[in-house]
Amino acid sequence: MENIRVASLEQINLNEMTEIWNRCWRGYYYDMSYAPGHMKGWLDLSQVSLQHSTAIYVEDRIVGFALLSVDGTDGWIAGACIDPKYRRKGLFTALMRIELDVARRAGLKRIYLEVLEQNHALKIYESVGFVRMRQLNIYRLQNRIQGPNKINEIRPLESVSIEIYFDKRRMLFNPAWQRRDNYLKRHINIFAVMNSTGSAGALFAGNKTDLVLDAWSATRAGAEEVVCDIVLRSGNSWSLTNQPDDQMVAFLKDRGMNPSAKQVEMCIELA
């Protein structure tokens, strides 16, 4: 393939970034399309550094990109994709190797990402040095709970300050990137709840109680309290993303609630 080059995305405008994002994610396992406002929200929330993000061009047309978020000496791939018309030509492997070089020059020590377990990109990430860390579960659940305990027999969790929530969680929970304190605190109007023993809690964004930003528990009983609280607060359905195999997952499995998708969390240590 001729006339291939790479460049930083530093000078790209929002409309261009939105068009490239939507075009390259076309045909993915689920809808990834964004309006410009949503695109801006994702870039801001993920703290993407366009200066350290990379585009790959074929004949002056962007046909792929890798977005890099930066948090201290850690980085996170906030999206990496190739236009469907240009896949299976080795471009994604080249793109990731170049992005890792950019991260090294920026002084980053580790890069994280999540990838759907059925995505062919997982093998490419492994080929450039990423290592599997753990499974992360994605739930899209109807408002139901099975088992002997009824929802109205569980007391709602108590509201707590964000500071208390993160202090307690930090001692008990090893979060994936989108559950890290700095990431979660960039959401608008977040509020936190915990049980009376401080062994379980959940974080919501404003009035969108069907979208649970974070949920954790150190015990099976606490997991039941959290799930019942979520069910009480949400509407007809609720979602939970990037949940590691923990007490929450064990409780949901016991009640017949299985993940709708699974991701693999990966990391590479940069020399």
C-alpha atoms as a PDB file:
ATOM      1  CA  MET A   1       0.000   0.000   0.000  1.00  0.00           C
ATOM      2  CA  GLU A   2       1.432   3.351  -1.040  1.00  0.00           C
ATOM      3  CA  ASN A   3       1.407   6.840   0.465  1.00  0.00           C
ATOM      4  CA  ILE A   4       1.013   5.801   4.108  1.00  0.00           C
ATOM      5  CA  ARG A   5       2.002   8.190   6.872  1.00  0.00           C
ATOM      6  CA  VAL A   6       1.241   8.804  10.538  1.00  0.00           C
ATOM      7  CA  ALA A   7       0.742  12.041  12.438  1.00  0.00           C
ATOM      8  CA  SER A   8      -0.458  13.419  15.739  1.00  0.00           C
ATOM      9  CA  LEU A   9      -4.152  14.258  16.125  1.00  0.00           C
ATOM     10  CA  GLU A  10      -3.261  17.491  17.930  1.00  0.00           C
ATOM     11  CA  GLN A  11      -4.647  19.776  15.207  1.00  0.00           C
ATOM     12  CA  ILE A  12      -7.850  17.883  14.460  1.00  0.00           C
ATOM     13  CA  ASN A  13     -11.154  19.645  15.126  1.00  0.00           C
ATOM     14  CA  LEU A  14     -14.185  18.152  16.838  1.00  0.00           C
ATOM     15  CA  ASN A  15     -16.257  17.568  13.707  1.00  0.00           C
ATOM     16  CA  GLU A  16     -13.356  15.826  11.977  1.00  0.00           C
ATOM     17  CA  MET A  17     -12.711  13.649  15.004  1.00  0.00           C
ATOM     18  CA  THR A  18     -16.390  12.699  15.167  1.00  0.00           C
ATOM     19  CA  GLU A  19     -16.479  11.755  11.485  1.00  0.00           C
ATOM     20  CA  ILE A  20     -13.333   9.655  11.770  1.00  0.00           C
ATOM     21  CA  TRP A  21     -14.568   7.943  14.941  1.00  0.00           C
ATOM     22  CA  ASN A  22     -17.940   7.023  13.433  1.00  0.00           C
ATOM     23  CA  ARG A  23     -16.473   5.862  10.135  1.00  0.00           C
ATOM     24  CA  CYS A  24     -13.788   3.669  11.670  1.00  0.00           C
ATOM     25  CA  TRP A  25     -16.103   2.031  14.229  1.00  0.00           C
ATOM     26  CA  ARG A  26     -18.735   1.215  11.592  1.00  0.00           C
ATOM     27  CA  GLY A  27     -19.717  -2.460  11.746  1.00  0.00           C
ATOM     28  CA  TYR A  28     -18.411  -2.974  15.302  1.00  0.00           C
ATOM     29  CA  TYR A  29     -20.078  -5.438  17.675  1.00  0.00           C
ATOM     30  CA  TYR A  30     -22.340  -2.700  19.008  1.00  0.00           C
ATOM     31  CA  ASP A  31     -23.149   0.873  18.081  1.00  0.00           C
ATOM     32  CA  MET A  32     -20.195   3.184  18.771  1.00  0.00           C
ATOM     33  CA  SER A  33     -21.440   6.231  16.844  1.00  0.00           C
ATOM     34  CA  TYR A  34     -21.240   9.662  18.490  1.00  0.00           C
ATOM     35  CA  ALA A  35     -22.704  13.080  17.850  1.00  0.00           C
ATOM     36  CA  PRO A  36     -20.143  15.899  18.201  1.00  0.00           C
ATOM     37  CA  GLY A  37     -21.359  16.722  21.708  1.00  0.00           C
ATOM     38  CA  HIS A  38     -20.933  13.125  22.806  1.00  0.00           C
ATOM     39  CA  MET A  39     -17.513  13.012  21.154  1.00  0.00           C
ATOM     40  CA  LYS A  40     -16.395  16.057  23.123  1.00  0.00           C
ATOM     41  CA  GLY A  41     -17.765  14.514  26.303  1.00  0.00           C
ATOM     42  CA  TRP A  42     -15.787  11.314  25.709  1.00  0.00           C
ATOM     43  CA  LEU A  43     -12.551  13.173  24.983  1.00  0.00           C
ATOM     44  CA  ASP A  44     -12.952  15.329  28.096  1.00  0.00           C
ATOM     45  CA  LEU A  45     -14.070  12.514  30.379  1.00  0.00           C
ATOM     46  CA  SER A  46     -11.263  10.235  29.239  1.00  0.00           C
ATOM     47  CA  GLN A  47      -8.751  13.116  29.382  1.00  0.00           C
ATOM     48  CA  VAL A  48      -7.490  12.202  25.936  1.00  0.00           C
ATOM     49  CA  SER A  49      -4.244  13.863  24.922  1.00  0.00           C
ATOM     50  CA  LEU A  50      -4.670  14.519  21.218  1.00  0.00           C
ATOM     51  CA  GLN A  51      -1.045  15.650  21.170  1.00  0.00           C
ATOM     52  CA  HIS A  52      -0.055  12.078  22.056  1.00  0.00           C
ATOM     53  CA  SER A  53      -2.743  10.373  19.976  1.00  0.00           C
ATOM     54  CA  THR A  54      -1.974   9.040  16.528  1.00  0.00           C
ATOM     55  CA  ALA A  55      -3.705   8.984  13.145  1.00  0.00           C
ATOM     56  CA  ILE A  56      -2.706   6.794  10.239  1.00  0.00           C
ATOM     57  CA  TYR A  57      -3.222   8.205   6.743  1.00  0.00           C
ATOM     58  CA  VAL A  58      -3.550   6.550   3.360  1.00  0.00           C
ATOM     59  CA  GLU A  59      -3.252   9.079   0.547  1.00  0.00           C
ATOM     60  CA  ASP A  60      -4.029  11.982   2.914  1.00  0.00           C
ATOM     61  CA  ARG A  61      -7.174  10.344   4.329  1.00  0.00           C
ATOM     62  CA  ILE A  62      -7.267   9.245   7.973  1.00  0.00           C
ATOM     63  CA  VAL A  63      -8.082   5.542   7.984  1.00  0.00           C
ATOM     64  CA  GLY A  64      -7.307   4.742  11.599  1.00  0.00           C
ATOM     65  CA  PHE A  65      -6.498   6.254  14.968  1.00  0.00           C
ATOM     66  CA  ALA A  66      -5.356   5.508  18.508  1.00  0.00           C
ATOM     67  CA  LEU A  67      -6.482   7.848  21.294  1.00  0.00           C
ATOM     68  CA  LEU A  68      -4.215   8.032  24.338  1.00  0.00           C
ATOM     69  CA  SER A  69      -5.372   9.149  27.785  1.00  0.00           C
ATOM     70  CA  VAL A  70      -2.746  10.194  30.305  1.00  0.00           C
ATOM     71  CA  ASP A  71      -2.849   9.953  34.111  1.00  0.00           C
ATOM     72  CA  GLY A  72       0.559  10.621  35.613  1.00  0.00           C
ATOM     73  CA  THR A  73       2.908   7.988  34.220  1.00  0.00           C
ATOM     74  CA  ASP A  74       0.041   5.711  33.205  1.00  0.00           C
ATOM     75  CA  GLY A  75      -1.749   5.768  29.873  1.00  0.00           C
ATOM     76  CA  TRP A  76      -4.946   4.226  28.541  1.00  0.00           C
ATOM     77  CA  ILE A  77      -6.077   3.518  24.995  1.00  0.00           C
ATOM     78  CA  ALA A  78      -9.411   5.362  24.879  1.00  0.00           C
ATOM     79  CA  GLY A  79     -10.216   4.059  21.408  1.00  0.00           C
ATOM     80  CA  ALA A  80      -8.235   2.506  18.582  1.00  0.00           C
ATOM     81  CA  CYS A  81      -9.714   1.459  15.267  1.00  0.00           C
ATOM     82  CA  ILE A  82      -9.162   1.091  11.536  1.00  0.00           C
ATOM     83  CA  ASP A  83     -11.658   2.027   8.824  1.00  0.00           C
ATOM     84  CA  PRO A  84     -13.380  -1.241   7.735  1.00  0.00           C
ATOM     85  CA  LYS A  85     -12.217  -0.662   4.148  1.00  0.00           C
ATOM     86  CA  TYR A  86      -8.563  -0.789   5.241  1.00  0.00           C
ATOM     87  CA  ARG A  87      -8.574  -3.661   7.734  1.00  0.00           C
ATOM     88  CA  ARG A  88      -6.480  -6.831   7.412  1.00  0.00           C
ATOM     89  CA  LYS A  89      -3.640  -4.929   5.780  1.00  0.00           C
ATOM     90  CA  GLY A  90      -1.336  -4.742   8.794  1.00  0.00           C
ATOM     91  CA  LEU A  91      -2.207  -1.121   9.540  1.00  0.00           C
ATOM     92  CA  PHE A  92      -3.501  -1.723  13.079  1.00  0.00           C
ATOM     93  CA  THR A  93      -0.309  -3.433  14.194  1.00  0.00           C
ATOM     94  CA  ALA A  94       1.772  -0.598  12.754  1.00  0.00           C
ATOM     95  CA  LEU A  95      -0.504   1.975  14.399  1.00  0.00           C
ATOM     96  CA  MET A  96      -0.155   0.393  17.847  1.00  0.00           C
ATOM     97  CA  ARG A  97       3.622   0.111  17.606  1.00  0.00           C
ATOM     98  CA  ILE A  98       3.852   3.780  16.705  1.00  0.00           C
ATOM     99  CA  GLU A  99       1.468   4.766  19.528  1.00  0.00           C
ATOM    100  CA  LEU A 100       3.566   2.842  22.040  1.00  0.00           C
ATOM    101  CA  ASP A 101       6.663   4.701  20.842  1.00  0.00           C
ATOM    102  CA  VAL A 102       4.803   7.981  21.333  1.00  0.00           C
ATOM    103  CA  ALA A 103       3.895   6.919  24.875  1.00  0.00           C
ATOM    104  CA  ARG A 104       7.493   6.027  25.669  1.00  0.00           C
ATOM    105  CA  ARG A 105       8.755   9.397  24.441  1.00  0.00           C
ATOM    106  CA  ALA A 106       6.099  11.051  26.620  1.00  0.00           C
ATOM    107  CA  GLY A 107       7.596   9.328  29.667  1.00  0.00           C
ATOM    108  CA  LEU A 108       4.746   6.924  30.363  1.00  0.00           C
ATOM    109  CA  LYS A 109       5.559   3.701  32.211  1.00  0.00           C
ATOM    110  CA  ARG A 110       2.424   1.615  31.569  1.00  0.00           C
ATOM    111  CA  ILE A 111      -0.405   1.537  29.052  1.00  0.00           C
ATOM    112  CA  TYR A 112      -3.764  -0.081  29.783  1.00  0.00           C
ATOM    113  CA  LEU A 113      -6.701  -0.983  27.569  1.00  0.00           C
ATOM    114  CA  GLU A 114      -9.845  -3.090  27.483  1.00  0.00           C
ATOM    115  CA  VAL A 115     -10.932  -5.170  24.503  1.00  0.00           C
ATOM    116  CA  LEU A 116     -13.936  -7.411  23.912  1.00  0.00           C
ATOM    117  CA  GLU A 117     -12.808 -11.024  24.258  1.00  0.00           C
ATOM    118  CA  GLN A 118     -14.129 -11.909  20.774  1.00  0.00           C
ATOM    119  CA  ASN A 119     -12.387  -8.960  19.089  1.00  0.00           C
ATOM    120  CA  HIS A 120      -9.567  -9.966  16.730  1.00  0.00           C
ATOM    121  CA  ALA A 121      -7.659  -6.894  17.967  1.00  0.00           C
ATOM    122  CA  LEU A 122      -6.894  -8.811  21.171  1.00  0.00           C
ATOM    123  CA  LYS A 123      -4.363 -10.948  19.305  1.00  0.00           C
ATOM    124  CA  ILE A 124      -2.766  -7.853  17.802  1.00  0.00           C
ATOM    125  CA  TYR A 125      -2.437  -6.251  21.230  1.00  0.00           C
ATOM    126  CA  GLU A 126      -0.716  -9.404  22.469  1.00  0.00           C
ATOM    127  CA  SER A 127       1.612  -9.373  19.467  1.00  0.00           C
ATOM    128  CA  VAL A 128       2.901  -5.893  20.363  1.00  0.00           C
ATOM    129  CA  GLY A 129       3.463  -6.772  24.017  1.00  0.00           C
ATOM    130  CA  PHE A 130       0.207  -6.270  25.927  1.00  0.00           C
ATOM    131  CA  VAL A 131      -0.450  -8.868  28.634  1.00  0.00           C
ATOM    132  CA  ARG A 132      -3.853 -10.071  29.828  1.00  0.00           C
ATOM    133  CA  MET A 133      -4.619  -8.975  33.387  1.00  0.00           C
ATOM    134  CA  ARG A 134      -8.209 -10.003  34.155  1.00  0.00           C
ATOM    135  CA  GLN A 135     -11.714 -10.323  32.792  1.00  0.00           C
ATOM    136  CA  LEU A 136     -14.106  -7.373  33.036  1.00  0.00           C
ATOM    137  CA  ASN A 137     -17.842  -7.964  32.776  1.00  0.00           C
ATOM    138  CA  ILE A 138     -20.469  -5.783  31.103  1.00  0.00           C
ATOM    139  CA  TYR A 139     -24.060  -6.104  32.274  1.00  0.00           C
ATOM    140  CA  ARG A 140     -27.268  -4.890  30.651  1.00  0.00           C
ATOM    141  CA  LEU A 141     -29.897  -6.076  33.088  1.00  0.00           C
ATOM    142  CA  GLN A 142     -33.649  -5.975  33.472  1.00  0.00           C
ATOM    143  CA  ASN A 143     -34.945  -4.789  36.809  1.00  0.00           C
ATOM    144  CA  ARG A 144     -35.322  -8.121  38.526  1.00  0.00           C
ATOM    145  CA  ILE A 145     -33.709 -10.121  41.267  1.00  0.00           C
ATOM    146  CA  GLN A 146     -34.143 -13.827  41.866  1.00  0.00           C
ATOM    147  CA  GLY A 147     -33.856 -15.692  45.126  1.00  0.00           C
ATOM    148  CA  PRO A 148     -35.409 -15.886  48.588  1.00  0.00           C
ATOM    149  CA  ASN A 149     -34.845 -12.257  49.618  1.00  0.00           C
ATOM    150  CA  LYS A 150     -37.223  -9.688  48.226  1.00  0.00           C
ATOM    151  CA  ILE A 151     -36.111  -6.187  47.266  1.00  0.00           C
ATOM    152  CA  ASN A 152     -38.309  -4.483  49.858  1.00  0.00           C
ATOM    153  CA  GLU A 153     -36.615  -6.478  52.631  1.00  0.00           C
ATOM    154  CA  ILE A 154     -33.288  -4.736  51.936  1.00  0.00           C
ATOM    155  CA  ARG A 155     -32.643  -1.289  53.365  1.00  0.00           C
ATOM    156  CA  PRO A 156     -31.532   1.347  50.825  1.00  0.00           C
ATOM    157  CA  LEU A 157     -27.892   2.326  51.128  1.00  0.00           C
ATOM    158  CA  GLU A 158     -27.009   5.602  52.803  1.00  0.00           C
ATOM    159  CA  SER A 159     -25.688   8.653  50.963  1.00  0.00           C
ATOM    160  CA  VAL A 160     -22.075   9.480  51.764  1.00  0.00           C
ATOM    161  CA  SER A 161     -19.603  12.110  50.659  1.00  0.00           C
ATOM    162  CA  ILE A 162     -17.477  11.429  47.620  1.00  0.00           C
ATOM    163  CA  GLU A 163     -14.357  11.652  49.787  1.00  0.00           C
ATOM    164  CA  ILE A 164     -15.574   8.981  52.213  1.00  0.00           C
ATOM    165  CA  TYR A 165     -16.693   6.775  49.344  1.00  0.00           C
ATOM    166  CA  PHE A 166     -13.333   6.793  47.598  1.00  0.00           C
ATOM    167  CA  ASP A 167     -11.342   6.494  50.840  1.00  0.00           C
ATOM    168  CA  LYS A 168     -13.223   3.340  51.819  1.00  0.00           C
ATOM    169  CA  ARG A 169     -13.226   1.876  48.321  1.00  0.00           C
ATOM    170  CA  ARG A 170      -9.501   2.443  47.915  1.00  0.00           C
ATOM    171  CA  MET A 171      -8.775  -0.026  50.717  1.00  0.00           C
ATOM    172  CA  LEU A 172     -10.924  -2.769  49.219  1.00  0.00           C
ATOM    173  CA  PHE A 173     -11.065  -2.450  45.451  1.00  0.00           C
ATOM    174  CA  ASN A 174      -8.583  -2.545  42.554  1.00  0.00           C
ATOM    175  CA  PRO A 175     -10.422  -0.624  39.819  1.00  0.00           C
ATOM    176  CA  ALA A 176     -10.098  -0.826  36.063  1.00  0.00           C
ATOM    177  CA  TRP A 177      -9.243   2.450  34.285  1.00  0.00           C
ATOM    178  CA  GLN A 178     -12.826   3.674  33.929  1.00  0.00           C
ATOM    179  CA  ARG A 179     -13.346   3.033  37.642  1.00  0.00           C
ATOM    180  CA  ARG A 180     -10.307   5.018  38.773  1.00  0.00           C
ATOM    181  CA  ASP A 181     -10.948   7.925  41.133  1.00  0.00           C
ATOM    182  CA  ASN A 182      -9.794  10.637  38.723  1.00  0.00           C
ATOM    183  CA  TYR A 183     -11.888   9.246  35.878  1.00  0.00           C
ATOM    184  CA  LEU A 184     -15.066   8.910  37.945  1.00  0.00           C
ATOM    185  CA  LYS A 185     -14.733  12.349  39.508  1.00  0.00           C
ATOM    186  CA  ARG A 186     -14.900  13.952  36.068  1.00  0.00           C
ATOM    187  CA  HIS A 187     -18.532  12.829  35.679  1.00  0.00           C
ATOM    188  CA  ILE A 188     -21.108  15.538  36.342  1.00  0.00           C
ATOM    189  CA  ASN A 189     -23.241  15.461  39.511  1.00  0.00           C
ATOM    190  CA  ILE A 190     -22.026  12.157  40.890  1.00  0.00           C
ATOM    191  CA  PHE A 191     -23.418  10.851  44.157  1.00  0.00           C
ATOM    192  CA  ALA A 192     -22.338   7.919  46.299  1.00  0.00           C
ATOM    193  CA  VAL A 193     -24.051   5.428  48.597  1.00  0.00           C
ATOM    194  CA  MET A 194     -22.650   2.851  51.035  1.00  0.00           C
ATOM    195  CA  ASN A 195     -24.017   0.251  53.417  1.00  0.00           C
ATOM    196  CA  SER A 196     -23.918   0.729  57.185  1.00  0.00           C
ATOM    197  CA  THR A 197     -20.753  -1.362  57.643  1.00  0.00           C
ATOM    198  CA  GLY A 198     -18.775   0.404  54.917  1.00  0.00           C
ATOM    199  CA  SER A 199     -18.157  -2.900  53.142  1.00  0.00           C
ATOM    200  CA  ALA A 200     -20.078  -2.097  49.941  1.00  0.00           C
ATOM    201  CA  GLY A 201     -21.069   0.899  47.866  1.00  0.00           C
ATOM    202  CA  ALA A 202     -22.142   2.293  44.523  1.00  0.00           C
ATOM    203  CA  LEU A 203     -21.648   5.499  42.561  1.00  0.00           C
ATOM    204  CA  PHE A 204     -24.204   7.104  40.254  1.00  0.00           C
ATOM    205  CA  ALA A 205     -24.152  10.051  37.840  1.00  0.00           C
ATOM    206  CA  GLY A 206     -26.803  12.625  38.693  1.00  0.00           C
ATOM    207  CA  ASN A 207     -30.320  11.462  37.902  1.00  0.00           C
ATOM    208  CA  LYS A 208     -29.195   8.704  35.548  1.00  0.00           C
ATOM    209  CA  THR A 209     -29.586   5.971  38.134  1.00  0.00           C
ATOM    210  CA  ASP A 210     -29.845   3.293  35.460  1.00  0.00           C
ATOM    211  CA  LEU A 211     -26.170   3.954  34.652  1.00  0.00           C
ATOM    212  CA  VAL A 212     -24.094   2.749  37.585  1.00  0.00           C
ATOM    213  CA  LEU A 213     -20.613   4.251  37.385  1.00  0.00           C
ATOM    214  CA  ASP A 214     -19.098   2.044  40.053  1.00  0.00           C
ATOM    215  CA  ALA A 215     -20.179  -0.786  42.353  1.00  0.00           C
ATOM    216  CA  TRP A 216     -18.154  -2.868  44.775  1.00  0.00           C
ATOM    217  CA  SER A 217     -18.453  -5.068  47.817  1.00  0.00           C
ATOM    218  CA  ALA A 218     -16.090  -6.929  50.119  1.00  0.00           C
ATOM    219  CA  THR A 219     -18.775  -9.476  51.066  1.00  0.00           C
ATOM    220  CA  ARG A 220     -21.589 -11.452  49.441  1.00  0.00           C
ATOM    221  CA  ALA A 221     -24.117  -9.843  51.797  1.00  0.00           C
ATOM    222  CA  GLY A 222     -22.868  -6.405  50.807  1.00  0.00           C
ATOM    223  CA  ALA A 223     -23.187  -7.304  47.131  1.00  0.00           C
ATOM    224  CA  GLU A 224     -26.833  -8.161  47.706  1.00  0.00           C
ATOM    225  CA  GLU A 225     -27.384  -4.808  49.406  1.00  0.00           C
ATOM    226  CA  VAL A 226     -25.781  -2.962  46.499  1.00  0.00           C
ATOM    227  CA  VAL A 227     -27.736  -4.803  43.811  1.00  0.00           C
ATOM    228  CA  CYS A 228     -31.032  -4.309  45.638  1.00  0.00           C
ATOM    229  CA  ASP A 229     -30.269  -0.614  46.084  1.00  0.00           C
ATOM    230  CA  ILE A 230     -29.539  -0.264  42.358  1.00  0.00           C
ATOM    231  CA  VAL A 231     -32.796  -2.034  41.511  1.00  0.00           C
ATOM    232  CA  LEU A 232     -34.734   0.260  43.855  1.00  0.00           C
ATOM    233  CA  ARG A 233     -33.243   3.380  42.285  1.00  0.00           C
ATOM    234  CA  SER A 234     -33.344   2.413  38.609  1.00  0.00           C
ATOM    235  CA  GLY A 235     -36.135   2.171  36.082  1.00  0.00           C
ATOM    236  CA  ASN A 236     -36.917  -0.782  33.848  1.00  0.00           C
ATOM    237  CA  SER A 237     -33.272  -1.697  33.284  1.00  0.00           C
ATOM    238  CA  TRP A 238     -29.777  -0.864  34.451  1.00  0.00           C
ATOM    239  CA  SER A 239     -26.207  -1.346  33.326  1.00  0.00           C
ATOM    240  CA  LEU A 240     -22.894  -2.085  34.963  1.00  0.00           C
ATOM    241  CA  THR A 241     -19.633  -1.904  33.030  1.00  0.00           C
ATOM    242  CA  ASN A 242     -16.119  -3.229  33.551  1.00  0.00           C
ATOM    243  CA  GLN A 243     -16.951  -5.235  36.672  1.00  0.00           C
ATOM    244  CA  PRO A 244     -14.081  -7.576  37.591  1.00  0.00           C
ATOM    245  CA  ASP A 245     -14.756 -11.100  38.872  1.00  0.00           C
ATOM    246  CA  ASP A 246     -15.569 -10.095  42.441  1.00  0.00           C
ATOM    247  CA  GLN A 247     -18.316 -10.485  45.043  1.00  0.00           C
ATOM    248  CA  MET A 248     -20.682  -8.452  42.881  1.00  0.00           C
ATOM    249  CA  VAL A 249     -20.223 -10.801  39.920  1.00  0.00           C
ATOM    250  CA  ALA A 250     -20.548 -13.866  42.154  1.00  0.00           C
ATOM    251  CA  PHE A 251     -23.832 -12.603  43.596  1.00  0.00           C
ATOM    252  CA  LEU A 252     -25.260 -11.743  40.183  1.00  0.00           C
ATOM    253  CA  LYS A 253     -24.291 -15.166  38.863  1.00  0.00           C
ATOM    254  CA  ASP A 254     -25.990 -16.876  41.821  1.00  0.00           C
ATOM    255  CA  ARG A 255     -29.196 -15.011  40.964  1.00  0.00           C
ATOM    256  CA  GLY A 256     -29.105 -15.983  37.300  1.00  0.00           C
ATOM    257  CA  MET A 257     -27.849 -12.618  36.016  1.00  0.00           C
ATOM    258  CA  ASN A 258     -25.003 -13.098  33.551  1.00  0.00           C
ATOM    259  CA  PRO A 259     -22.854 -10.536  31.705  1.00  0.00           C
ATOM    260  CA  SER A 260     -24.003  -9.523  28.250  1.00  0.00           C
ATOM    261  CA  ALA A 261     -20.387  -9.098  27.166  1.00  0.00           C
ATOM    262  CA  LYS A 262     -16.905  -9.708  28.511  1.00  0.00           C
ATOM    263  CA  GLN A 263     -13.767  -7.660  28.084  1.00  0.00           C
ATOM    264  CA  VAL A 264     -10.124  -8.448  28.700  1.00  0.00           C
ATOM    265  CA  GLU A 265      -8.127  -5.858  30.618  1.00  0.00           C
ATOM    266  CA  MET A 266      -4.584  -5.663  29.269  1.00  0.00           C
ATOM    267  CA  CYS A 267      -1.425  -3.786  30.178  1.00  0.00           C
ATOM    268  CA  ILE A 268       2.046  -3.254  28.783  1.00  0.00           C
ATOM    269  CA  GLU A 269       5.072  -2.124  30.781  1.00  0.00           C
ATOM    270  CA  LEU A 270       7.113   0.364  28.769  1.00  0.00           C
ATOM    271  CA  ALA A 271      10.884   0.174  29.084  1.00  0.00           C
END
